[in-house]
Amino acid sequence: MKSKLLGIAPIHQSYGILMMGIILTGVLLFGLTNGFNGVEIPKEYEIMIGK
């Protein structure tokens, strides 16, 4: 791609996409790990992992 989109150069578009991906990854990890505190696995699931 050599043309600008909405006045933004292609290299800056790629940086924007990269930053949005990093931010989205952080938000998802924060939400899925209970605020980075982790989640307690119930005792019933220990059978499935061989404990």
C-alpha atoms as a PDB file:
ATOM      1  CA  MET A   1       0.000   0.000   0.000  1.00  0.00           C
ATOM      2  CA  LYS A   2       1.482   3.298  -1.006  1.00  0.00           C
ATOM      3  CA  SER A   3      -1.366   5.758  -0.576  1.00  0.00           C
ATOM      4  CA  LYS A   4      -2.568   7.498   2.562  1.00  0.00           C
ATOM      5  CA  LEU A   5      -5.818   6.569   4.224  1.00  0.00           C
ATOM      6  CA  LEU A   6      -7.574   9.391   6.091  1.00  0.00           C
ATOM      7  CA  GLY A   7      -4.354  11.370   5.802  1.00  0.00           C
ATOM      8  CA  ILE A   8      -2.284   8.760   7.664  1.00  0.00           C
ATOM      9  CA  ALA A   9       0.799   7.248   6.048  1.00  0.00           C
ATOM     10  CA  PRO A  10       0.909   3.441   5.707  1.00  0.00           C
ATOM     11  CA  ILE A  11       3.785   3.083   8.186  1.00  0.00           C
ATOM     12  CA  HIS A  12       1.826   5.015  10.815  1.00  0.00           C
ATOM     13  CA  GLN A  13      -1.243   2.889  10.083  1.00  0.00           C
ATOM     14  CA  SER A  14       0.770  -0.247  10.809  1.00  0.00           C
ATOM     15  CA  TYR A  15       2.037   1.217  14.089  1.00  0.00           C
ATOM     16  CA  GLY A  16      -1.536   2.083  15.043  1.00  0.00           C
ATOM     17  CA  ILE A  17      -2.732  -1.441  14.300  1.00  0.00           C
ATOM     18  CA  LEU A  18       0.164  -2.878  16.325  1.00  0.00           C
ATOM     19  CA  MET A  19      -0.554  -0.631  19.315  1.00  0.00           C
ATOM     20  CA  MET A  20      -4.269  -1.435  19.222  1.00  0.00           C
ATOM     21  CA  GLY A  21      -3.416  -5.147  19.212  1.00  0.00           C
ATOM     22  CA  ILE A  22      -1.124  -4.787  22.217  1.00  0.00           C
ATOM     23  CA  ILE A  23      -3.719  -2.764  24.123  1.00  0.00           C
ATOM     24  CA  LEU A  24      -6.501  -5.227  23.252  1.00  0.00           C
ATOM     25  CA  THR A  25      -4.323  -8.137  24.397  1.00  0.00           C
ATOM     26  CA  GLY A  26      -3.685  -6.417  27.730  1.00  0.00           C
ATOM     27  CA  VAL A  27      -7.372  -5.638  28.242  1.00  0.00           C
ATOM     28  CA  LEU A  28      -8.369  -9.220  27.442  1.00  0.00           C
ATOM     29  CA  LEU A  29      -5.753 -10.682  29.779  1.00  0.00           C
ATOM     30  CA  PHE A  30      -6.823  -8.288  32.530  1.00  0.00           C
ATOM     31  CA  GLY A  31     -10.460  -9.241  32.128  1.00  0.00           C
ATOM     32  CA  LEU A  32      -9.959 -12.980  31.814  1.00  0.00           C
ATOM     33  CA  THR A  33      -7.583 -13.275  34.791  1.00  0.00           C
ATOM     34  CA  ASN A  34      -9.766 -11.376  37.276  1.00  0.00           C
ATOM     35  CA  GLY A  35      -7.553  -8.298  37.241  1.00  0.00           C
ATOM     36  CA  PHE A  36      -4.299 -10.292  36.996  1.00  0.00           C
ATOM     37  CA  ASN A  37      -5.189 -12.134  40.226  1.00  0.00           C
ATOM     38  CA  GLY A  38      -5.825 -15.428  38.515  1.00  0.00           C
ATOM     39  CA  VAL A  39      -8.780 -17.747  38.852  1.00  0.00           C
ATOM     40  CA  GLU A  40      -9.076 -20.622  41.302  1.00  0.00           C
ATOM     41  CA  ILE A  41      -9.659 -23.920  39.551  1.00  0.00           C
ATOM     42  CA  PRO A  42     -12.371 -26.018  41.244  1.00  0.00           C
ATOM     43  CA  LYS A  43     -11.320 -29.327  42.845  1.00  0.00           C
ATOM     44  CA  GLU A  44     -13.596 -31.254  40.453  1.00  0.00           C
ATOM     45  CA  TYR A  45     -11.329 -30.360  37.544  1.00  0.00           C
ATOM     46  CA  GLU A  46      -8.258 -31.997  39.106  1.00  0.00           C
ATOM     47  CA  ILE A  47      -9.545 -35.351  37.792  1.00  0.00           C
ATOM     48  CA  MET A  48      -9.182 -34.065  34.248  1.00  0.00           C
ATOM     49  CA  ILE A  49      -5.520 -33.085  34.704  1.00  0.00           C
ATOM     50  CA  GLY A  50      -4.488 -36.276  36.505  1.00  0.00           C
ATOM     51  CA  LYS A  51      -4.088 -35.072  40.078  1.00  0.00           C
END
